[in-house]
Amino acid sequence: MVRIGANRYGKAEVRVVHVGRGAGPDGSDLVRDWNVSTSLSGDLAATHLTGDNSRVLPTDTQKNTVYALAKKLGGIEPEAFAIELATHYTGSADAISRARIAIEEYPWTPISDGGHSFARSAQYARIVTVTDDRELGCSVVGGIGDLIVLNTTGSQFWGFARDEYTTLADAYDRMLATVVSARWRFRQRDADWGAAFQAATAALIEAFAQTESYSLQQTLYAMGTAILTAVPQICEVRLALPNKHHFLADLTPFGMANENEVYYAADRPYGLIEGTVLADDVPDAGIAWS
């Protein structure tokens, strides 16, 4: 005997750009550039078992809903948009008891006095995930991805465990680089989302820059702690930090000394450090990376 287990379906990567005419803080246009993915679950077993689609809201409809709500709601913060979209599904479709909305936002920076010319920032992607469950309520997660940071000094790694396969030498002054993937969970579904994102990002970057690091794990903890301190509405921070290794180039064949100046950036393999930093009143659910 077999049975259907957990399942969900949705529309992945709906690209939507909203222009708020004159909605910027200085009267310029405001561009919201999003990649929106919807995922619905609930009483949907029949479509798997018999092909009965009477409870299935088409993924094409989900795509259309994204565009329609973008018009109705205007250029609001992505967290607010995701909440509205998720509650729309759980509140209007009887079969849908859980909706998960994931948004990647790509920032654009004005480049002219007229307020209608922009340059796409390649510095990072803003990440939002909202899950609305009829029984469990609404969970809001913000974050940042693809943020590349580097310290040219102020990082060490030594005193580590060794066995018969260890060849790595102690490092007392190394370059430290990573591509930050951070997710932070809010305590409630109402906050100043834009201010929270700016404060959390600034705290994360400052902690990376100011931590005298003996390991990337130590830096991870410092970054998570800084976010929780800067934004009390956040109760949990999850970070994934690949160690983008930079190795000193060997210049001795050319009779040249390399005094921490010339490196080659290794593509792979790389160390991957993952961890969660929690407020004291939040239980640890263990590592469950999504």
C-alpha atoms as a PDB file:
ATOM      1  CA  MET A   1       0.000   0.000   0.000  1.00  0.00           C
ATOM      2  CA  VAL A   2       1.116   3.558  -0.694  1.00  0.00           C
ATOM      3  CA  ARG A   3      -0.318   6.979   0.100  1.00  0.00           C
ATOM      4  CA  ILE A   4       0.242  10.572  -0.911  1.00  0.00           C
ATOM      5  CA  GLY A   5       2.452  12.529   1.459  1.00  0.00           C
ATOM      6  CA  ALA A   6       3.184  16.200   1.869  1.00  0.00           C
ATOM      7  CA  ASN A   7       2.801  18.111  -1.384  1.00  0.00           C
ATOM      8  CA  ARG A   8       2.555  21.630  -2.719  1.00  0.00           C
ATOM      9  CA  TYR A   9       2.416  23.405  -6.047  1.00  0.00           C
ATOM     10  CA  GLY A  10       2.737  26.922  -7.359  1.00  0.00           C
ATOM     11  CA  LYS A  11       4.156  29.342  -9.895  1.00  0.00           C
ATOM     12  CA  ALA A  12       7.902  29.818  -9.734  1.00  0.00           C
ATOM     13  CA  GLU A  13       9.801  32.988 -10.568  1.00  0.00           C
ATOM     14  CA  VAL A  14       7.149  35.439 -11.676  1.00  0.00           C
ATOM     15  CA  ARG A  15       9.106  38.489 -12.816  1.00  0.00           C
ATOM     16  CA  VAL A  16       7.283  41.699 -11.982  1.00  0.00           C
ATOM     17  CA  VAL A  17       8.543  45.284 -12.052  1.00  0.00           C
ATOM     18  CA  HIS A  18       6.420  48.041 -10.522  1.00  0.00           C
ATOM     19  CA  VAL A  19       7.151  51.730 -11.112  1.00  0.00           C
ATOM     20  CA  GLY A  20       5.770  54.081  -8.491  1.00  0.00           C
ATOM     21  CA  ARG A  21       5.520  57.378 -10.341  1.00  0.00           C
ATOM     22  CA  GLY A  22       6.998  60.081  -8.108  1.00  0.00           C
ATOM     23  CA  ALA A  23       6.862  57.737  -5.122  1.00  0.00           C
ATOM     24  CA  GLY A  24      10.556  57.987  -4.218  1.00  0.00           C
ATOM     25  CA  PRO A  25      11.635  59.936  -1.110  1.00  0.00           C
ATOM     26  CA  ASP A  26      12.818  62.848  -3.272  1.00  0.00           C
ATOM     27  CA  GLY A  27       9.931  62.747  -5.713  1.00  0.00           C
ATOM     28  CA  SER A  28      11.714  60.436  -8.147  1.00  0.00           C
ATOM     29  CA  ASP A  29      10.164  57.253  -9.472  1.00  0.00           C
ATOM     30  CA  LEU A  30      10.387  54.188  -7.227  1.00  0.00           C
ATOM     31  CA  VAL A  31      11.283  50.890  -8.897  1.00  0.00           C
ATOM     32  CA  ARG A  32      10.360  47.566  -7.285  1.00  0.00           C
ATOM     33  CA  ASP A  33      11.947  44.681  -9.208  1.00  0.00           C
ATOM     34  CA  TRP A  34      10.806  41.304  -7.906  1.00  0.00           C
ATOM     35  CA  ASN A  35      11.094  37.615  -8.628  1.00  0.00           C
ATOM     36  CA  VAL A  36       8.024  36.112  -6.941  1.00  0.00           C
ATOM     37  CA  SER A  37       7.373  32.422  -6.332  1.00  0.00           C
ATOM     38  CA  THR A  38       4.102  31.096  -4.931  1.00  0.00           C
ATOM     39  CA  SER A  39       3.544  27.690  -3.339  1.00  0.00           C
ATOM     40  CA  LEU A  40       0.171  26.396  -2.129  1.00  0.00           C
ATOM     41  CA  SER A  41      -0.804  23.332  -0.121  1.00  0.00           C
ATOM     42  CA  GLY A  42      -3.909  21.940   1.557  1.00  0.00           C
ATOM     43  CA  ASP A  43      -6.702  19.537   0.622  1.00  0.00           C
ATOM     44  CA  LEU A  44      -5.245  18.629  -2.740  1.00  0.00           C
ATOM     45  CA  ALA A  45      -4.896  14.862  -2.622  1.00  0.00           C
ATOM     46  CA  ALA A  46      -7.582  14.238  -5.265  1.00  0.00           C
ATOM     47  CA  THR A  47      -5.580  15.808  -8.081  1.00  0.00           C
ATOM     48  CA  HIS A  48      -2.747  13.355  -7.385  1.00  0.00           C
ATOM     49  CA  LEU A  49      -4.925  10.290  -6.821  1.00  0.00           C
ATOM     50  CA  THR A  50      -7.663  10.620  -9.452  1.00  0.00           C
ATOM     51  CA  GLY A  51      -6.795  13.643 -11.566  1.00  0.00           C
ATOM     52  CA  ASP A  52      -9.701  15.639 -10.083  1.00  0.00           C
ATOM     53  CA  ASN A  53      -8.587  19.269 -10.501  1.00  0.00           C
ATOM     54  CA  SER A  54     -11.664  20.896  -8.975  1.00  0.00           C
ATOM     55  CA  ARG A  55      -9.657  22.172  -5.980  1.00  0.00           C
ATOM     56  CA  VAL A  56      -6.579  23.224  -7.958  1.00  0.00           C
ATOM     57  CA  LEU A  57      -6.126  26.948  -8.494  1.00  0.00           C
ATOM     58  CA  PRO A  58      -4.112  27.075 -11.738  1.00  0.00           C
ATOM     59  CA  THR A  59      -0.545  28.274 -11.520  1.00  0.00           C
ATOM     60  CA  ASP A  60      -1.372  30.660 -14.352  1.00  0.00           C
ATOM     61  CA  THR A  61      -3.977  32.249 -12.073  1.00  0.00           C
ATOM     62  CA  GLN A  62      -1.328  32.600  -9.389  1.00  0.00           C
ATOM     63  CA  LYS A  63       0.881  34.439 -11.877  1.00  0.00           C
ATOM     64  CA  ASN A  64      -1.973  36.773 -12.802  1.00  0.00           C
ATOM     65  CA  THR A  65      -2.693  37.443  -9.127  1.00  0.00           C
ATOM     66  CA  VAL A  66       0.878  38.638  -8.612  1.00  0.00           C
ATOM     67  CA  TYR A  67       0.494  41.211 -11.374  1.00  0.00           C
ATOM     68  CA  ALA A  68      -2.975  42.307 -10.227  1.00  0.00           C
ATOM     69  CA  LEU A  69      -1.912  42.805  -6.606  1.00  0.00           C
ATOM     70  CA  ALA A  70       1.204  44.675  -7.748  1.00  0.00           C
ATOM     71  CA  LYS A  71      -1.164  47.173  -9.380  1.00  0.00           C
ATOM     72  CA  LYS A  72      -3.610  47.310  -6.444  1.00  0.00           C
ATOM     73  CA  LEU A  73      -1.021  47.562  -3.668  1.00  0.00           C
ATOM     74  CA  GLY A  74       1.547  49.753  -5.408  1.00  0.00           C
ATOM     75  CA  GLY A  75       5.271  49.768  -4.662  1.00  0.00           C
ATOM     76  CA  ILE A  76       5.037  48.553  -1.074  1.00  0.00           C
ATOM     77  CA  GLU A  77       7.784  46.718   0.806  1.00  0.00           C
ATOM     78  CA  PRO A  78       8.229  43.104  -0.352  1.00  0.00           C
ATOM     79  CA  GLU A  79       7.353  41.712   3.100  1.00  0.00           C
ATOM     80  CA  ALA A  80       4.032  43.565   3.064  1.00  0.00           C
ATOM     81  CA  PHE A  81       3.302  42.385  -0.474  1.00  0.00           C
ATOM     82  CA  ALA A  82       4.099  38.758   0.400  1.00  0.00           C
ATOM     83  CA  ILE A  83       1.791  38.889   3.435  1.00  0.00           C
ATOM     84  CA  GLU A  84      -1.074  40.249   1.345  1.00  0.00           C
ATOM     85  CA  LEU A  85      -0.530  37.652  -1.375  1.00  0.00           C
ATOM     86  CA  ALA A  86      -0.299  34.738   1.078  1.00  0.00           C
ATOM     87  CA  THR A  87      -3.411  35.738   3.025  1.00  0.00           C
ATOM     88  CA  HIS A  88      -5.268  36.207  -0.262  1.00  0.00           C
ATOM     89  CA  TYR A  89      -4.784  32.528  -1.070  1.00  0.00           C
ATOM     90  CA  THR A  90      -5.566  31.127   2.379  1.00  0.00           C
ATOM     91  CA  GLY A  91      -8.560  33.436   2.747  1.00  0.00           C
ATOM     92  CA  SER A  92     -10.191  32.993  -0.665  1.00  0.00           C
ATOM     93  CA  ALA A  93      -9.645  29.327  -1.596  1.00  0.00           C
ATOM     94  CA  ASP A  94     -11.246  26.752   0.727  1.00  0.00           C
ATOM     95  CA  ALA A  95      -8.864  23.980  -0.301  1.00  0.00           C
ATOM     96  CA  ILE A  96      -5.746  26.046   0.394  1.00  0.00           C
ATOM     97  CA  SER A  97      -4.706  26.026   4.041  1.00  0.00           C
ATOM     98  CA  ARG A  98      -1.095  27.068   3.604  1.00  0.00           C
ATOM     99  CA  ALA A  99       0.596  29.529   1.254  1.00  0.00           C
ATOM    100  CA  ARG A 100       4.304  30.216   0.980  1.00  0.00           C
ATOM    101  CA  ILE A 101       5.493  33.295  -0.897  1.00  0.00           C
ATOM    102  CA  ALA A 102       9.166  33.822  -1.724  1.00  0.00           C
ATOM    103  CA  ILE A 103      10.426  37.096  -3.168  1.00  0.00           C
ATOM    104  CA  GLU A 104      13.824  38.188  -4.376  1.00  0.00           C
ATOM    105  CA  GLU A 105      14.119  41.951  -4.786  1.00  0.00           C
ATOM    106  CA  TYR A 106      16.805  43.509  -6.965  1.00  0.00           C
ATOM    107  CA  PRO A 107      17.645  47.115  -6.055  1.00  0.00           C
ATOM    108  CA  TRP A 108      17.836  49.964  -8.563  1.00  0.00           C
ATOM    109  CA  THR A 109      19.625  53.240  -7.830  1.00  0.00           C
ATOM    110  CA  PRO A 110      18.596  56.585  -9.431  1.00  0.00           C
ATOM    111  CA  ILE A 111      21.329  58.025 -11.650  1.00  0.00           C
ATOM    112  CA  SER A 112      19.736  61.285 -12.855  1.00  0.00           C
ATOM    113  CA  ASP A 113      18.147  64.399 -11.387  1.00  0.00           C
ATOM    114  CA  GLY A 114      14.963  63.716 -13.311  1.00  0.00           C
ATOM    115  CA  GLY A 115      14.311  60.648 -11.206  1.00  0.00           C
ATOM    116  CA  HIS A 116      13.513  58.321 -14.091  1.00  0.00           C
ATOM    117  CA  SER A 117      16.951  56.866 -14.910  1.00  0.00           C
ATOM    118  CA  PHE A 118      18.325  53.996 -12.827  1.00  0.00           C
ATOM    119  CA  ALA A 119      21.253  51.606 -12.566  1.00  0.00           C
ATOM    120  CA  ARG A 120      20.719  48.081 -11.317  1.00  0.00           C
ATOM    121  CA  SER A 121      22.767  47.403  -8.196  1.00  0.00           C
ATOM    122  CA  ALA A 122      24.678  44.134  -8.306  1.00  0.00           C
ATOM    123  CA  GLN A 123      25.610  44.324  -4.623  1.00  0.00           C
ATOM    124  CA  TYR A 124      22.954  41.988  -3.259  1.00  0.00           C
ATOM    125  CA  ALA A 125      19.448  40.568  -3.526  1.00  0.00           C
ATOM    126  CA  ARG A 126      16.869  41.256  -0.822  1.00  0.00           C
ATOM    127  CA  ILE A 127      15.122  38.061   0.228  1.00  0.00           C
ATOM    128  CA  VAL A 128      11.622  37.647   1.683  1.00  0.00           C
ATOM    129  CA  THR A 129       9.709  34.477   2.562  1.00  0.00           C
ATOM    130  CA  VAL A 130       6.215  34.601   4.056  1.00  0.00           C
ATOM    131  CA  THR A 131       4.271  31.519   5.087  1.00  0.00           C
ATOM    132  CA  ASP A 132       0.609  31.867   6.030  1.00  0.00           C
ATOM    133  CA  ASP A 133      -0.941  28.800   7.675  1.00  0.00           C
ATOM    134  CA  ARG A 134      -4.530  28.749   8.918  1.00  0.00           C
ATOM    135  CA  GLU A 135      -3.550  26.783  12.029  1.00  0.00           C
ATOM    136  CA  LEU A 136      -0.048  28.096  12.723  1.00  0.00           C
ATOM    137  CA  GLY A 137      -0.459  31.706  11.660  1.00  0.00           C
ATOM    138  CA  CYS A 138       1.840  33.889   9.596  1.00  0.00           C
ATOM    139  CA  SER A 139       5.634  33.726   9.616  1.00  0.00           C
ATOM    140  CA  VAL A 140       7.757  36.492   8.077  1.00  0.00           C
ATOM    141  CA  VAL A 141      11.397  35.931   7.138  1.00  0.00           C
ATOM    142  CA  GLY A 142      13.615  38.591   5.604  1.00  0.00           C
ATOM    143  CA  GLY A 143      17.191  38.404   4.483  1.00  0.00           C
ATOM    144  CA  ILE A 144      19.914  39.139   2.007  1.00  0.00           C
ATOM    145  CA  GLY A 145      21.740  37.064  -0.576  1.00  0.00           C
ATOM    146  CA  ASP A 146      24.673  37.377  -2.961  1.00  0.00           C
ATOM    147  CA  LEU A 147      26.390  39.980  -0.750  1.00  0.00           C
ATOM    148  CA  ILE A 148      30.119  39.650  -1.472  1.00  0.00           C
ATOM    149  CA  VAL A 149      32.394  40.928   1.302  1.00  0.00           C
ATOM    150  CA  LEU A 150      36.138  40.719   1.843  1.00  0.00           C
ATOM    151  CA  ASN A 151      38.666  41.592   4.546  1.00  0.00           C
ATOM    152  CA  THR A 152      42.249  41.936   3.312  1.00  0.00           C
ATOM    153  CA  THR A 153      43.610  41.354   6.824  1.00  0.00           C
ATOM    154  CA  GLY A 154      42.358  40.822  10.368  1.00  0.00           C
ATOM    155  CA  SER A 155      41.608  37.131   9.915  1.00  0.00           C
ATOM    156  CA  GLN A 156      43.411  34.085  11.303  1.00  0.00           C
ATOM    157  CA  PHE A 157      42.914  30.328  11.431  1.00  0.00           C
ATOM    158  CA  TRP A 158      45.196  28.213  13.586  1.00  0.00           C
ATOM    159  CA  GLY A 159      45.124  25.730  16.469  1.00  0.00           C
ATOM    160  CA  PHE A 160      42.709  23.461  14.597  1.00  0.00           C
ATOM    161  CA  ALA A 161      42.414  19.679  14.940  1.00  0.00           C
ATOM    162  CA  ARG A 162      44.892  17.606  12.943  1.00  0.00           C
ATOM    163  CA  ASP A 163      45.024  14.022  11.790  1.00  0.00           C
ATOM    164  CA  GLU A 164      47.102  11.991   9.355  1.00  0.00           C
ATOM    165  CA  TYR A 165      45.474  13.723   6.350  1.00  0.00           C
ATOM    166  CA  THR A 166      45.940  17.327   7.495  1.00  0.00           C
ATOM    167  CA  THR A 167      48.276  19.432   5.379  1.00  0.00           C
ATOM    168  CA  LEU A 168      46.869  22.913   6.049  1.00  0.00           C
ATOM    169  CA  ALA A 169      49.327  25.286   7.705  1.00  0.00           C
ATOM    170  CA  ASP A 170      48.433  27.685  10.502  1.00  0.00           C
ATOM    171  CA  ALA A 171      47.396  31.117   9.214  1.00  0.00           C
ATOM    172  CA  TYR A 172      47.987  34.190  11.354  1.00  0.00           C
ATOM    173  CA  ASP A 173      47.121  36.781   8.715  1.00  0.00           C
ATOM    174  CA  ARG A 174      44.894  35.763   5.836  1.00  0.00           C
ATOM    175  CA  MET A 175      42.390  37.248   3.443  1.00  0.00           C
ATOM    176  CA  LEU A 176      38.781  36.447   4.340  1.00  0.00           C
ATOM    177  CA  ALA A 177      36.063  36.589   1.695  1.00  0.00           C
ATOM    178  CA  THR A 178      32.544  35.218   1.556  1.00  0.00           C
ATOM    179  CA  VAL A 179      29.200  35.509  -0.224  1.00  0.00           C
ATOM    180  CA  VAL A 180      26.671  36.181   2.514  1.00  0.00           C
ATOM    181  CA  SER A 181      23.342  34.369   2.554  1.00  0.00           C
ATOM    182  CA  ALA A 182      21.394  35.521   5.618  1.00  0.00           C
ATOM    183  CA  ARG A 183      17.803  34.919   6.675  1.00  0.00           C
ATOM    184  CA  TRP A 184      16.190  36.560   9.697  1.00  0.00           C
ATOM    185  CA  ARG A 185      12.838  35.716  11.247  1.00  0.00           C
ATOM    186  CA  PHE A 186      10.584  38.407  12.645  1.00  0.00           C
ATOM    187  CA  ARG A 187       8.621  38.076  15.860  1.00  0.00           C
ATOM    188  CA  GLN A 188       5.456  39.502  14.312  1.00  0.00           C
ATOM    189  CA  ARG A 189       3.831  40.220  10.968  1.00  0.00           C
ATOM    190  CA  ASP A 190       3.910  43.996  11.348  1.00  0.00           C
ATOM    191  CA  ALA A 191       7.103  46.055  11.258  1.00  0.00           C
ATOM    192  CA  ASP A 192       8.817  48.876   9.429  1.00  0.00           C
ATOM    193  CA  TRP A 193      10.164  46.419   6.889  1.00  0.00           C
ATOM    194  CA  GLY A 194      12.374  48.819   4.977  1.00  0.00           C
ATOM    195  CA  ALA A 195      14.029  50.240   8.093  1.00  0.00           C
ATOM    196  CA  ALA A 196      14.508  46.723   9.506  1.00  0.00           C
ATOM    197  CA  PHE A 197      16.220  45.548   6.329  1.00  0.00           C
ATOM    198  CA  GLN A 198      18.550  48.543   6.241  1.00  0.00           C
ATOM    199  CA  ALA A 199      19.443  48.210   9.934  1.00  0.00           C
ATOM    200  CA  ALA A 200      20.026  44.452   9.748  1.00  0.00           C
ATOM    201  CA  THR A 201      22.188  44.757   6.639  1.00  0.00           C
ATOM    202  CA  ALA A 202      24.245  47.602   8.108  1.00  0.00           C
ATOM    203  CA  ALA A 203      24.786  45.641  11.344  1.00  0.00           C
ATOM    204  CA  LEU A 204      25.827  42.526   9.423  1.00  0.00           C
ATOM    205  CA  ILE A 205      28.365  44.405   7.314  1.00  0.00           C
ATOM    206  CA  GLU A 206      29.756  46.307  10.304  1.00  0.00           C
ATOM    207  CA  ALA A 207      30.227  43.081  12.255  1.00  0.00           C
ATOM    208  CA  PHE A 208      32.069  41.472   9.353  1.00  0.00           C
ATOM    209  CA  ALA A 209      34.372  44.469   9.049  1.00  0.00           C
ATOM    210  CA  GLN A 210      35.069  44.958  12.756  1.00  0.00           C
ATOM    211  CA  THR A 211      35.471  41.361  13.992  1.00  0.00           C
ATOM    212  CA  GLU A 212      39.065  40.266  14.556  1.00  0.00           C
ATOM    213  CA  SER A 213      38.386  36.783  13.303  1.00  0.00           C
ATOM    214  CA  TYR A 214      39.976  33.516  14.373  1.00  0.00           C
ATOM    215  CA  SER A 215      37.500  31.527  12.267  1.00  0.00           C
ATOM    216  CA  LEU A 216      34.650  32.165   9.866  1.00  0.00           C
ATOM    217  CA  GLN A 217      32.424  30.529  12.496  1.00  0.00           C
ATOM    218  CA  GLN A 218      33.324  33.315  14.934  1.00  0.00           C
ATOM    219  CA  THR A 219      32.510  35.901  12.279  1.00  0.00           C
ATOM    220  CA  LEU A 220      29.151  34.214  11.607  1.00  0.00           C
ATOM    221  CA  TYR A 221      28.199  34.441  15.287  1.00  0.00           C
ATOM    222  CA  ALA A 222      29.252  38.090  15.442  1.00  0.00           C
ATOM    223  CA  MET A 223      27.156  38.928  12.397  1.00  0.00           C
ATOM    224  CA  GLY A 224      24.070  37.180  13.742  1.00  0.00           C
ATOM    225  CA  THR A 225      24.481  38.793  17.157  1.00  0.00           C
ATOM    226  CA  ALA A 226      24.791  42.237  15.581  1.00  0.00           C
ATOM    227  CA  ILE A 227      21.535  41.777  13.640  1.00  0.00           C
ATOM    228  CA  LEU A 228      19.590  40.652  16.724  1.00  0.00           C
ATOM    229  CA  THR A 229      20.960  43.601  18.692  1.00  0.00           C
ATOM    230  CA  ALA A 230      20.214  46.165  15.993  1.00  0.00           C
ATOM    231  CA  VAL A 231      16.670  44.957  15.216  1.00  0.00           C
ATOM    232  CA  PRO A 232      14.798  43.681  18.302  1.00  0.00           C
ATOM    233  CA  GLN A 233      11.857  42.629  16.104  1.00  0.00           C
ATOM    234  CA  ILE A 234      14.103  39.854  14.754  1.00  0.00           C
ATOM    235  CA  CYS A 235      14.371  36.716  16.902  1.00  0.00           C
ATOM    236  CA  GLU A 236      16.428  34.310  14.762  1.00  0.00           C
ATOM    237  CA  VAL A 237      19.179  34.673  12.165  1.00  0.00           C
ATOM    238  CA  ARG A 238      20.404  31.886   9.888  1.00  0.00           C
ATOM    239  CA  LEU A 239      23.596  32.385   7.919  1.00  0.00           C
ATOM    240  CA  ALA A 240      25.387  30.398   5.246  1.00  0.00           C
ATOM    241  CA  LEU A 241      28.912  31.624   4.523  1.00  0.00           C
ATOM    242  CA  PRO A 242      31.066  29.958   1.892  1.00  0.00           C
ATOM    243  CA  ASN A 243      34.745  30.565   2.550  1.00  0.00           C
ATOM    244  CA  LYS A 244      35.919  31.952  -0.783  1.00  0.00           C
ATOM    245  CA  HIS A 245      39.552  31.023  -0.430  1.00  0.00           C
ATOM    246  CA  HIS A 246      42.312  33.366  -1.561  1.00  0.00           C
ATOM    247  CA  PHE A 247      45.721  31.714  -1.641  1.00  0.00           C
ATOM    248  CA  LEU A 248      49.070  33.458  -1.904  1.00  0.00           C
ATOM    249  CA  ALA A 249      50.638  33.022  -5.328  1.00  0.00           C
ATOM    250  CA  ASP A 250      54.061  31.386  -5.243  1.00  0.00           C
ATOM    251  CA  LEU A 251      56.504  33.936  -6.662  1.00  0.00           C
ATOM    252  CA  THR A 252      59.695  32.229  -5.459  1.00  0.00           C
ATOM    253  CA  PRO A 253      60.455  30.759  -8.925  1.00  0.00           C
ATOM    254  CA  PHE A 254      60.876  34.359 -10.086  1.00  0.00           C
ATOM    255  CA  GLY A 255      63.035  35.380  -7.151  1.00  0.00           C
ATOM    256  CA  MET A 256      60.263  37.532  -5.743  1.00  0.00           C
ATOM    257  CA  ALA A 257      58.843  37.683  -2.230  1.00  0.00           C
ATOM    258  CA  ASN A 258      55.071  37.710  -1.849  1.00  0.00           C
ATOM    259  CA  GLU A 259      54.313  39.771   1.246  1.00  0.00           C
ATOM    260  CA  ASN A 260      50.558  39.213   1.346  1.00  0.00           C
ATOM    261  CA  GLU A 261      50.043  41.128  -1.886  1.00  0.00           C
ATOM    262  CA  VAL A 262      49.357  38.721  -4.766  1.00  0.00           C
ATOM    263  CA  TYR A 263      46.640  36.059  -4.433  1.00  0.00           C
ATOM    264  CA  TYR A 264      44.740  33.711  -6.642  1.00  0.00           C
ATOM    265  CA  ALA A 265      41.036  33.320  -5.936  1.00  0.00           C
ATOM    266  CA  ALA A 266      40.072  29.645  -5.817  1.00  0.00           C
ATOM    267  CA  ASP A 267      36.698  28.752  -7.315  1.00  0.00           C
ATOM    268  CA  ARG A 268      36.232  25.348  -5.631  1.00  0.00           C
ATOM    269  CA  PRO A 269      36.273  23.442  -3.416  1.00  0.00           C
ATOM    270  CA  TYR A 270      35.407  25.830  -0.609  1.00  0.00           C
ATOM    271  CA  GLY A 271      34.541  25.629   3.053  1.00  0.00           C
ATOM    272  CA  LEU A 272      30.856  26.211   3.822  1.00  0.00           C
ATOM    273  CA  ILE A 273      29.982  27.509   7.279  1.00  0.00           C
ATOM    274  CA  GLU A 274      26.316  27.478   8.360  1.00  0.00           C
ATOM    275  CA  GLY A 275      24.787  28.437  11.671  1.00  0.00           C
ATOM    276  CA  THR A 276      21.860  29.939  13.544  1.00  0.00           C
ATOM    277  CA  VAL A 277      21.972  32.739  16.117  1.00  0.00           C
ATOM    278  CA  LEU A 278      18.925  32.964  18.383  1.00  0.00           C
ATOM    279  CA  ALA A 279      17.444  35.377  20.876  1.00  0.00           C
ATOM    280  CA  ASP A 280      17.451  33.911  24.405  1.00  0.00           C
ATOM    281  CA  ASP A 281      13.695  33.317  24.411  1.00  0.00           C
ATOM    282  CA  VAL A 282      13.614  31.354  21.129  1.00  0.00           C
ATOM    283  CA  PRO A 283      14.067  27.550  21.136  1.00  0.00           C
ATOM    284  CA  ASP A 284      16.627  26.012  18.811  1.00  0.00           C
ATOM    285  CA  ALA A 285      14.864  23.990  16.127  1.00  0.00           C
ATOM    286  CA  GLY A 286      18.127  22.546  14.831  1.00  0.00           C
ATOM    287  CA  ILE A 287      19.683  22.971  11.413  1.00  0.00           C
ATOM    288  CA  ALA A 288      16.974  22.818   8.733  1.00  0.00           C
ATOM    289  CA  TRP A 289      18.208  24.776   5.766  1.00  0.00           C
ATOM    290  CA  SER A 290      15.617  25.643   3.136  1.00  0.00           C
END
